[in-house]
Amino acid sequence: KEFEELTLPRIKAAGYNTIQLMAVMEHPYYGSF
């Protein structure tokens, strides 16, 4: 939710047409990226 509300507008303003989302699939260790 924070990414949608706070980060997406920055990316749009920066002019990028694609985002590549990392770490979407469930992983037990946060530090594994």
Full PDB file with SEQRES, HELIX, SHEET, SSBOND, CRYST1, ORIGX, SCALE, CONECT and MASTER records, all heavy atoms in Angstrom:
SEQRES   1 A   33  LYS GLU PHE GLU GLU LEU THR LEU PRO ARG ILE LYS ALA          
SEQRES   2 A   33  ALA GLY TYR ASN THR ILE GLN LEU MET ALA VAL MET GLU          
SEQRES   3 A   33  HIS PRO TYR TYR GLY SER PHE                                  
HELIX    1 AA1 GLU A    2  GLU A    2  1                                   1    
HELIX    2 AA2 PHE A    3  THR A    7  3                                   5    
HELIX    3 AA3 LEU A    8  ALA A   14  1                                   7    
HELIX    4 AA4 TYR A   30  SER A   32  5                                   3    
CRYST1    1.000    1.000    1.000  90.00  90.00  90.00 P 1           1          
ORIGX1      1.000000  0.000000  0.000000        0.00000                         
ORIGX2      0.000000  1.000000  0.000000        0.00000                         
ORIGX3      0.000000  0.000000  1.000000        0.00000                         
SCALE1      1.000000  0.000000  0.000000        0.00000                         
SCALE2      0.000000  1.000000  0.000000        0.00000                         
SCALE3      0.000000  0.000000  1.000000        0.00000                         
ATOM      1  N   LYS A   1       0.830  -1.204   0.000  1.00  0.00           N  
ATOM      2  CA  LYS A   1       0.000   0.000   0.000  1.00  0.00           C  
ATOM      3  C   LYS A   1       0.863   1.252   0.000  1.00  0.00           C  
ATOM      4  O   LYS A   1       0.587   2.217  -0.723  1.00  0.00           O  
ATOM      5  CB  LYS A   1      -0.926  -0.005   1.228  1.00  0.00           C  
ATOM      6  CG  LYS A   1      -2.177   0.846   1.060  1.00  0.00           C  
ATOM      7  CD  LYS A   1      -3.088   0.246  -0.011  1.00  0.00           C  
ATOM      8  CE  LYS A   1      -4.269   1.157  -0.315  1.00  0.00           C  
ATOM      9  NZ  LYS A   1      -4.991   0.717  -1.526  1.00  0.00           N  
ATOM     10  N   GLU A   2       1.899   1.256   0.818  1.00  0.00           N  
ATOM     11  CA  GLU A   2       2.803   2.403   0.851  1.00  0.00           C  
ATOM     12  C   GLU A   2       3.490   2.589  -0.495  1.00  0.00           C  
ATOM     13  O   GLU A   2       3.662   3.727  -0.963  1.00  0.00           O  
ATOM     14  CB  GLU A   2       3.846   2.213   1.956  1.00  0.00           C  
ATOM     15  CG  GLU A   2       3.275   2.361   3.361  1.00  0.00           C  
ATOM     16  CD  GLU A   2       4.268   1.977   4.431  1.00  0.00           C  
ATOM     17  OE1 GLU A   2       5.110   1.083   4.179  1.00  0.00           O  
ATOM     18  OE2 GLU A   2       4.201   2.562   5.528  1.00  0.00           O  
ATOM     19  N   PHE A   3       3.876   1.498  -1.102  1.00  0.00           N  
ATOM     20  CA  PHE A   3       4.532   1.589  -2.410  1.00  0.00           C  
ATOM     21  C   PHE A   3       3.579   2.200  -3.442  1.00  0.00           C  
ATOM     22  O   PHE A   3       3.972   3.062  -4.230  1.00  0.00           O  
ATOM     23  CB  PHE A   3       4.985   0.201  -2.866  1.00  0.00           C  
ATOM     24  CG  PHE A   3       5.888   0.222  -4.068  1.00  0.00           C  
ATOM     25  CD1 PHE A   3       7.264   0.242  -3.923  1.00  0.00           C  
ATOM     26  CD2 PHE A   3       5.370   0.222  -5.359  1.00  0.00           C  
ATOM     27  CE1 PHE A   3       8.106   0.271  -5.028  1.00  0.00           C  
ATOM     28  CE2 PHE A   3       6.189   0.251  -6.465  1.00  0.00           C  
ATOM     29  CZ  PHE A   3       7.561   0.279  -6.303  1.00  0.00           C  
ATOM     30  N   GLU A   4       2.329   1.738  -3.410  1.00  0.00           N  
ATOM     31  CA  GLU A   4       1.338   2.271  -4.352  1.00  0.00           C  
ATOM     32  C   GLU A   4       1.122   3.765  -4.145  1.00  0.00           C  
ATOM     33  O   GLU A   4       1.080   4.534  -5.122  1.00  0.00           O  
ATOM     34  CB  GLU A   4       0.012   1.525  -4.185  1.00  0.00           C  
ATOM     35  CG  GLU A   4      -1.114   2.069  -5.054  1.00  0.00           C  
ATOM     36  CD  GLU A   4      -2.451   1.394  -4.789  1.00  0.00           C  
ATOM     37  OE1 GLU A   4      -2.461   0.229  -4.336  1.00  0.00           O  
ATOM     38  OE2 GLU A   4      -3.494   2.032  -5.034  1.00  0.00           O  
ATOM     39  N   GLU A   5       1.000   4.171  -2.903  1.00  0.00           N  
ATOM     40  CA  GLU A   5       0.641   5.560  -2.609  1.00  0.00           C  
ATOM     41  C   GLU A   5       1.829   6.515  -2.632  1.00  0.00           C  
ATOM     42  O   GLU A   5       1.681   7.678  -3.017  1.00  0.00           O  
ATOM     43  CB  GLU A   5      -0.049   5.624  -1.239  1.00  0.00           C  
ATOM     44  CG  GLU A   5      -1.392   4.900  -1.202  1.00  0.00           C  
ATOM     45  CD  GLU A   5      -1.991   4.839   0.191  1.00  0.00           C  
ATOM     46  OE1 GLU A   5      -1.296   5.263   1.156  1.00  0.00           O  
ATOM     47  OE2 GLU A   5      -3.136   4.373   0.336  1.00  0.00           O  
ATOM     48  N   LEU A   6       3.006   6.039  -2.241  1.00  0.00           N  
ATOM     49  CA  LEU A   6       4.153   6.932  -2.080  1.00  0.00           C  
ATOM     50  C   LEU A   6       5.230   6.772  -3.148  1.00  0.00           C  
ATOM     51  O   LEU A   6       5.857   7.755  -3.552  1.00  0.00           O  
ATOM     52  CB  LEU A   6       4.784   6.720  -0.693  1.00  0.00           C  
ATOM     53  CG  LEU A   6       3.863   6.931   0.508  1.00  0.00           C  
ATOM     54  CD1 LEU A   6       4.578   6.576   1.802  1.00  0.00           C  
ATOM     55  CD2 LEU A   6       3.365   8.368   0.558  1.00  0.00           C  
ATOM     56  N   THR A   7       5.459   5.549  -3.590  1.00  0.00           N  
ATOM     57  CA  THR A   7       6.590   5.300  -4.491  1.00  0.00           C  
ATOM     58  C   THR A   7       6.194   5.337  -5.961  1.00  0.00           C  
ATOM     59  O   THR A   7       6.936   5.876  -6.795  1.00  0.00           O  
ATOM     60  CB  THR A   7       7.250   3.948  -4.153  1.00  0.00           C  
ATOM     61  OG1 THR A   7       7.489   3.884  -2.747  1.00  0.00           O  
ATOM     62  CG2 THR A   7       8.570   3.790  -4.890  1.00  0.00           C  
ATOM     63  N   LEU A   8       5.042   4.779  -6.298  1.00  0.00           N  
ATOM     64  CA  LEU A   8       4.609   4.793  -7.702  1.00  0.00           C  
ATOM     65  C   LEU A   8       4.563   6.205  -8.285  1.00  0.00           C  
ATOM     66  O   LEU A   8       5.012   6.413  -9.424  1.00  0.00           O  
ATOM     67  CB  LEU A   8       3.252   4.112  -7.854  1.00  0.00           C  
ATOM     68  CG  LEU A   8       3.244   2.597  -8.027  1.00  0.00           C  
ATOM     69  CD1 LEU A   8       1.813   2.083  -8.186  1.00  0.00           C  
ATOM     70  CD2 LEU A   8       4.080   2.163  -9.229  1.00  0.00           C  
ATOM     71  N   PRO A   9       4.035   7.201  -7.556  1.00  0.00           N  
ATOM     72  CA  PRO A   9       4.034   8.553  -8.124  1.00  0.00           C  
ATOM     73  C   PRO A   9       5.439   9.073  -8.437  1.00  0.00           C  
ATOM     74  O   PRO A   9       5.634   9.809  -9.413  1.00  0.00           O  
ATOM     75  CB  PRO A   9       3.355   9.396  -7.041  1.00  0.00           C  
ATOM     76  CG  PRO A   9       2.489   8.420  -6.300  1.00  0.00           C  
ATOM     77  CD  PRO A   9       3.271   7.148  -6.291  1.00  0.00           C  
ATOM     78  N   ARG A  10       6.421   8.713  -7.628  1.00  0.00           N  
ATOM     79  CA  ARG A  10       7.800   9.116  -7.901  1.00  0.00           C  
ATOM     80  C   ARG A  10       8.308   8.477  -9.196  1.00  0.00           C  
ATOM     81  O   ARG A  10       8.986   9.129 -10.006  1.00  0.00           O  
ATOM     82  CB  ARG A  10       8.716   8.701  -6.738  1.00  0.00           C  
ATOM     83  CG  ARG A  10       8.522   9.494  -5.457  1.00  0.00           C  
ATOM     84  CD  ARG A  10       9.534   9.062  -4.404  1.00  0.00           C  
ATOM     85  NE  ARG A  10       9.398   9.813  -3.166  1.00  0.00           N  
ATOM     86  CZ  ARG A  10       9.999  10.976  -2.918  1.00  0.00           C  
ATOM     87  NH1 ARG A  10      10.778  11.520  -3.848  1.00  0.00           N  
ATOM     88  NH2 ARG A  10       9.836  11.584  -1.757  1.00  0.00           N  
ATOM     89  N   ILE A  11       7.994   7.201  -9.375  1.00  0.00           N  
ATOM     90  CA  ILE A  11       8.454   6.490 -10.570  1.00  0.00           C  
ATOM     91  C   ILE A  11       7.803   7.072 -11.817  1.00  0.00           C  
ATOM     92  O   ILE A  11       8.453   7.256 -12.852  1.00  0.00           O  
ATOM     93  CB  ILE A  11       8.152   4.984 -10.430  1.00  0.00           C  
ATOM     94  CG1 ILE A  11       8.906   4.398  -9.231  1.00  0.00           C  
ATOM     95  CG2 ILE A  11       8.521   4.233 -11.710  1.00  0.00           C  
ATOM     96  CD1 ILE A  11       8.486   3.004  -8.851  1.00  0.00           C  
ATOM     97  N   LYS A  12       6.518   7.378 -11.710  1.00  0.00           N  
ATOM     98  CA  LYS A  12       5.804   7.997 -12.827  1.00  0.00           C  
ATOM     99  C   LYS A  12       6.430   9.346 -13.171  1.00  0.00           C  
ATOM    100  O   LYS A  12       6.676   9.646 -14.355  1.00  0.00           O  
ATOM    101  CB  LYS A  12       4.333   8.167 -12.461  1.00  0.00           C  
ATOM    102  CG  LYS A  12       3.493   8.905 -13.501  1.00  0.00           C  
ATOM    103  CD  LYS A  12       3.391   8.122 -14.797  1.00  0.00           C  
ATOM    104  CE  LYS A  12       2.463   8.836 -15.777  1.00  0.00           C  
ATOM    105  NZ  LYS A  12       2.425   8.141 -17.089  1.00  0.00           N  
ATOM    106  N   ALA A  13       6.696  10.152 -12.144  1.00  0.00           N  
ATOM    107  CA  ALA A  13       7.287  11.472 -12.372  1.00  0.00           C  
ATOM    108  C   ALA A  13       8.688  11.369 -12.962  1.00  0.00           C  
ATOM    109  O   ALA A  13       9.121  12.247 -13.719  1.00  0.00           O  
ATOM    110  CB  ALA A  13       7.325  12.256 -11.066  1.00  0.00           C  
ATOM    111  N   ALA A  14       9.388  10.281 -12.635  1.00  0.00           N  
ATOM    112  CA  ALA A  14      10.746  10.087 -13.152  1.00  0.00           C  
ATOM    113  C   ALA A  14      10.753   9.671 -14.616  1.00  0.00           C  
ATOM    114  O   ALA A  14      11.800   9.727 -15.265  1.00  0.00           O  
ATOM    115  CB  ALA A  14      11.479   9.051 -12.306  1.00  0.00           C  
ATOM    116  N   GLY A  15       9.612   9.205 -15.141  1.00  0.00           N  
ATOM    117  CA  GLY A  15       9.504   8.895 -16.561  1.00  0.00           C  
ATOM    118  C   GLY A  15       9.684   7.442 -16.935  1.00  0.00           C  
ATOM    119  O   GLY A  15       9.601   7.091 -18.122  1.00  0.00           O  
ATOM    120  N   TYR A  16       9.899   6.566 -15.965  1.00  0.00           N  
ATOM    121  CA  TYR A  16      10.088   5.142 -16.272  1.00  0.00           C  
ATOM    122  C   TYR A  16       8.748   4.519 -16.671  1.00  0.00           C  
ATOM    123  O   TYR A  16       7.703   4.851 -16.110  1.00  0.00           O  
ATOM    124  CB  TYR A  16      10.685   4.407 -15.075  1.00  0.00           C  
ATOM    125  CG  TYR A  16      12.130   4.802 -14.806  1.00  0.00           C  
ATOM    126  CD1 TYR A  16      12.432   5.917 -14.032  1.00  0.00           C  
ATOM    127  CD2 TYR A  16      13.179   4.075 -15.352  1.00  0.00           C  
ATOM    128  CE1 TYR A  16      13.745   6.302 -13.804  1.00  0.00           C  
ATOM    129  CE2 TYR A  16      14.498   4.441 -15.123  1.00  0.00           C  
ATOM    130  CZ  TYR A  16      14.773   5.558 -14.348  1.00  0.00           C  
ATOM    131  OH  TYR A  16      16.080   5.939 -14.137  1.00  0.00           O  
ATOM    132  N   ASN A  17       8.785   3.605 -17.647  1.00  0.00           N  
ATOM    133  CA  ASN A  17       7.539   2.995 -18.122  1.00  0.00           C  
ATOM    134  C   ASN A  17       7.335   1.566 -17.626  1.00  0.00           C  
ATOM    135  O   ASN A  17       6.327   0.936 -17.942  1.00  0.00           O  
ATOM    136  CB  ASN A  17       7.456   3.046 -19.654  1.00  0.00           C  
ATOM    137  CG  ASN A  17       8.596   2.314 -20.342  1.00  0.00           C  
ATOM    138  OD1 ASN A  17       9.167   1.368 -19.803  1.00  0.00           O  
ATOM    139  ND2 ASN A  17       8.936   2.755 -21.556  1.00  0.00           N  
ATOM    140  N   THR A  18       8.288   1.062 -16.849  1.00  0.00           N  
ATOM    141  CA  THR A  18       8.203  -0.319 -16.358  1.00  0.00           C  
ATOM    142  C   THR A  18       8.810  -0.383 -14.966  1.00  0.00           C  
ATOM    143  O   THR A  18       9.841   0.247 -14.710  1.00  0.00           O  
ATOM    144  CB  THR A  18       8.987  -1.273 -17.285  1.00  0.00           C  
ATOM    145  OG1 THR A  18       8.530  -1.121 -18.626  1.00  0.00           O  
ATOM    146  CG2 THR A  18       8.806  -2.727 -16.857  1.00  0.00           C  
ATOM    147  N   ILE A  19       8.162  -1.137 -14.066  1.00  0.00           N  
ATOM    148  CA  ILE A  19       8.808  -1.439 -12.795  1.00  0.00           C  
ATOM    149  C   ILE A  19       9.064  -2.938 -12.729  1.00  0.00           C  
ATOM    150  O   ILE A  19       8.296  -3.743 -13.247  1.00  0.00           O  
ATOM    151  CB  ILE A  19       7.986  -0.980 -11.566  1.00  0.00           C  
ATOM    152  CG1 ILE A  19       6.593  -1.615 -11.542  1.00  0.00           C  
ATOM    153  CG2 ILE A  19       7.896   0.519 -11.494  1.00  0.00           C  
ATOM    154  CD1 ILE A  19       5.824  -1.310 -10.266  1.00  0.00           C  
ATOM    155  N   GLN A  20      10.180  -3.272 -12.124  1.00  0.00           N  
ATOM    156  CA  GLN A  20      10.535  -4.673 -11.910  1.00  0.00           C  
ATOM    157  C   GLN A  20      10.519  -4.925 -10.412  1.00  0.00           C  
ATOM    158  O   GLN A  20      11.335  -4.382  -9.675  1.00  0.00           O  
ATOM    159  CB  GLN A  20      11.914  -4.961 -12.490  1.00  0.00           C  
ATOM    160  CG  GLN A  20      12.404  -6.387 -12.271  1.00  0.00           C  
ATOM    161  CD  GLN A  20      13.818  -6.568 -12.784  1.00  0.00           C  
ATOM    162  OE1 GLN A  20      14.111  -6.262 -13.940  1.00  0.00           O  
ATOM    163  NE2 GLN A  20      14.713  -7.040 -11.938  1.00  0.00           N  
ATOM    164  N   LEU A  21       9.544  -5.720  -9.965  1.00  0.00           N  
ATOM    165  CA  LEU A  21       9.363  -5.963  -8.532  1.00  0.00           C  
ATOM    166  C   LEU A  21      10.156  -7.179  -8.088  1.00  0.00           C  
ATOM    167  O   LEU A  21       9.978  -8.283  -8.603  1.00  0.00           O  
ATOM    168  CB  LEU A  21       7.886  -6.164  -8.212  1.00  0.00           C  
ATOM    169  CG  LEU A  21       6.960  -4.949  -8.327  1.00  0.00           C  
ATOM    170  CD1 LEU A  21       5.555  -5.319  -7.880  1.00  0.00           C  
ATOM    171  CD2 LEU A  21       7.483  -3.770  -7.523  1.00  0.00           C  
ATOM    172  N   MET A  22      11.005  -6.966  -7.112  1.00  0.00           N  
ATOM    173  CA  MET A  22      11.772  -8.047  -6.513  1.00  0.00           C  
ATOM    174  C   MET A  22      11.034  -8.592  -5.296  1.00  0.00           C  
ATOM    175  O   MET A  22      10.170  -7.933  -4.725  1.00  0.00           O  
ATOM    176  CB  MET A  22      13.146  -7.532  -6.075  1.00  0.00           C  
ATOM    177  CG  MET A  22      13.951  -6.837  -7.156  1.00  0.00           C  
ATOM    178  SD  MET A  22      15.443  -6.087  -6.491  1.00  0.00           S  
ATOM    179  CE  MET A  22      16.301  -7.536  -5.903  1.00  0.00           C  
ATOM    180  N   ALA A  23      11.410  -9.806  -4.911  1.00  0.00           N  
ATOM    181  CA  ALA A  23      11.002 -10.393  -3.626  1.00  0.00           C  
ATOM    182  C   ALA A  23       9.494 -10.479  -3.448  1.00  0.00           C  
ATOM    183  O   ALA A  23       8.977 -10.280  -2.353  1.00  0.00           O  
ATOM    184  CB  ALA A  23      11.622  -9.599  -2.472  1.00  0.00           C  
ATOM    185  N   VAL A  24       8.768 -10.788  -4.509  1.00  0.00           N  
ATOM    186  CA  VAL A  24       7.311 -10.929  -4.421  1.00  0.00           C  
ATOM    187  C   VAL A  24       6.936 -12.316  -3.910  1.00  0.00           C  
ATOM    188  O   VAL A  24       6.025 -12.458  -3.089  1.00  0.00           O  
ATOM    189  CB  VAL A  24       6.658 -10.661  -5.793  1.00  0.00           C  
ATOM    190  CG1 VAL A  24       5.164 -10.993  -5.759  1.00  0.00           C  
ATOM    191  CG2 VAL A  24       6.868  -9.212  -6.208  1.00  0.00           C  
ATOM    192  N   MET A  25       7.618 -13.350  -4.374  1.00  0.00           N  
ATOM    193  CA  MET A  25       7.302 -14.715  -3.956  1.00  0.00           C  
ATOM    194  C   MET A  25       7.739 -14.922  -2.501  1.00  0.00           C  
ATOM    195  O   MET A  25       8.769 -14.401  -2.072  1.00  0.00           O  
ATOM    196  CB  MET A  25       8.007 -15.708  -4.881  1.00  0.00           C  
ATOM    197  CG  MET A  25       7.698 -15.465  -6.355  1.00  0.00           C  
ATOM    198  SD  MET A  25       8.896 -16.229  -7.471  1.00  0.00           S  
ATOM    199  CE  MET A  25       8.163 -17.846  -7.653  1.00  0.00           C  
ATOM    200  N   GLU A  26       6.943 -15.675  -1.768  1.00  0.00           N  
ATOM    201  CA  GLU A  26       7.179 -15.815  -0.329  1.00  0.00           C  
ATOM    202  C   GLU A  26       8.557 -16.408  -0.037  1.00  0.00           C  
ATOM    203  O   GLU A  26       8.981 -17.388  -0.652  1.00  0.00           O  
ATOM    204  CB  GLU A  26       6.095 -16.673   0.309  1.00  0.00           C  
ATOM    205  CG  GLU A  26       6.140 -16.670   1.827  1.00  0.00           C  
ATOM    206  CD  GLU A  26       5.953 -15.272   2.425  1.00  0.00           C  
ATOM    207  OE1 GLU A  26       4.797 -14.851   2.612  1.00  0.00           O  
ATOM    208  OE2 GLU A  26       6.978 -14.606   2.690  1.00  0.00           O  
ATOM    209  N   HIS A  27       9.247 -15.790   0.910  1.00  0.00           N  
ATOM    210  CA  HIS A  27      10.581 -16.219   1.319  1.00  0.00           C  
ATOM    211  C   HIS A  27      10.710 -16.003   2.819  1.00  0.00           C  
ATOM    212  O   HIS A  27      10.389 -14.932   3.327  1.00  0.00           O  
ATOM    213  CB  HIS A  27      11.654 -15.427   0.567  1.00  0.00           C  
ATOM    214  CG  HIS A  27      11.436 -13.941   0.578  1.00  0.00           C  
ATOM    215  ND1 HIS A  27      10.425 -13.330  -0.133  1.00  0.00           N  
ATOM    216  CD2 HIS A  27      12.106 -12.944   1.222  1.00  0.00           C  
ATOM    217  CE1 HIS A  27      10.476 -12.013   0.074  1.00  0.00           C  
ATOM    218  NE2 HIS A  27      11.469 -11.759   0.888  1.00  0.00           N  
ATOM    219  N   PRO A  28      11.175 -17.001   3.558  1.00  0.00           N  
ATOM    220  CA  PRO A  28      11.203 -16.888   5.024  1.00  0.00           C  
ATOM    221  C   PRO A  28      12.231 -15.891   5.541  1.00  0.00           C  
ATOM    222  O   PRO A  28      12.005 -15.247   6.559  1.00  0.00           O  
ATOM    223  CB  PRO A  28      11.531 -18.302   5.498  1.00  0.00           C  
ATOM    224  CG  PRO A  28      11.854 -19.103   4.306  1.00  0.00           C  
ATOM    225  CD  PRO A  28      11.503 -18.338   3.083  1.00  0.00           C  
ATOM    226  N   TYR A  29      13.377 -15.762   4.841  1.00  0.00           N  
ATOM    227  CA  TYR A  29      14.442 -14.892   5.330  1.00  0.00           C  
ATOM    228  C   TYR A  29      14.433 -13.589   4.539  1.00  0.00           C  
ATOM    229  O   TYR A  29      14.739 -13.559   3.345  1.00  0.00           O  
ATOM    230  CB  TYR A  29      15.796 -15.597   5.200  1.00  0.00           C  
ATOM    231  CG  TYR A  29      16.972 -14.766   5.653  1.00  0.00           C  
ATOM    232  CD1 TYR A  29      16.931 -14.024   6.830  1.00  0.00           C  
ATOM    233  CD2 TYR A  29      18.146 -14.741   4.902  1.00  0.00           C  
ATOM    234  CE1 TYR A  29      18.009 -13.258   7.243  1.00  0.00           C  
ATOM    235  CE2 TYR A  29      19.236 -13.985   5.312  1.00  0.00           C  
ATOM    236  CZ  TYR A  29      19.165 -13.249   6.478  1.00  0.00           C  
ATOM    237  OH  TYR A  29      20.227 -12.486   6.881  1.00  0.00           O  
ATOM    238  N   TYR A  30      14.090 -12.497   5.222  1.00  0.00           N  
ATOM    239  CA  TYR A  30      13.978 -11.186   4.573  1.00  0.00           C  
ATOM    240  C   TYR A  30      15.294 -10.786   3.890  1.00  0.00           C  
ATOM    241  O   TYR A  30      15.312 -10.205   2.809  1.00  0.00           O  
ATOM    242  CB  TYR A  30      13.570 -10.158   5.622  1.00  0.00           C  
ATOM    243  CG  TYR A  30      13.242  -8.783   5.092  1.00  0.00           C  
ATOM    244  CD1 TYR A  30      12.452  -8.606   3.962  1.00  0.00           C  
ATOM    245  CD2 TYR A  30      13.714  -7.638   5.750  1.00  0.00           C  
ATOM    246  CE1 TYR A  30      12.132  -7.340   3.488  1.00  0.00           C  
ATOM    247  CE2 TYR A  30      13.400  -6.359   5.293  1.00  0.00           C  
ATOM    248  CZ  TYR A  30      12.619  -6.222   4.156  1.00  0.00           C  
ATOM    249  OH  TYR A  30      12.310  -4.968   3.687  1.00  0.00           O  
ATOM    250  N   GLY A  31      16.400 -11.118   4.527  1.00  0.00           N  
ATOM    251  CA  GLY A  31      17.708 -10.727   4.022  1.00  0.00           C  
ATOM    252  C   GLY A  31      18.139 -11.444   2.759  1.00  0.00           C  
ATOM    253  O   GLY A  31      19.183 -11.113   2.186  1.00  0.00           O  
ATOM    254  N   SER A  32      17.370 -12.418   2.287  1.00  0.00           N  
ATOM    255  CA  SER A  32      17.735 -13.124   1.053  1.00  0.00           C  
ATOM    256  C   SER A  32      17.417 -12.306  -0.184  1.00  0.00           C  
ATOM    257  O   SER A  32      17.678 -12.745  -1.305  1.00  0.00           O  
ATOM    258  CB  SER A  32      17.003 -14.469   0.975  1.00  0.00           C  
ATOM    259  OG  SER A  32      15.632 -14.280   0.658  1.00  0.00           O  
ATOM    260  N   PHE A  33      16.834 -11.104  -0.005  1.00  0.00           N  
ATOM    261  CA  PHE A  33      16.433 -10.247  -1.132  1.00  0.00           C  
ATOM    262  C   PHE A  33      15.345 -10.929  -1.971  1.00  0.00           C  
ATOM    263  O   PHE A  33      15.107 -10.579  -3.123  1.00  0.00           O  
ATOM    264  CB  PHE A  33      17.625  -9.910  -2.027  1.00  0.00           C  
ATOM    265  CG  PHE A  33      17.772  -8.435  -2.324  1.00  0.00           C  
ATOM    266  CD1 PHE A  33      19.014  -7.827  -2.268  1.00  0.00           C  
ATOM    267  CD2 PHE A  33      16.683  -7.650  -2.660  1.00  0.00           C  
ATOM    268  CE1 PHE A  33      19.177  -6.468  -2.542  1.00  0.00           C  
ATOM    269  CE2 PHE A  33      16.828  -6.293  -2.941  1.00  0.00           C  
ATOM    270  CZ  PHE A  33      18.083  -5.703  -2.881  1.00  0.00           C  
TER     271      PHE A  33                                                      
MASTER        0    0    0    4    0    0    0    6  270    1    0    3          
END                                                                             
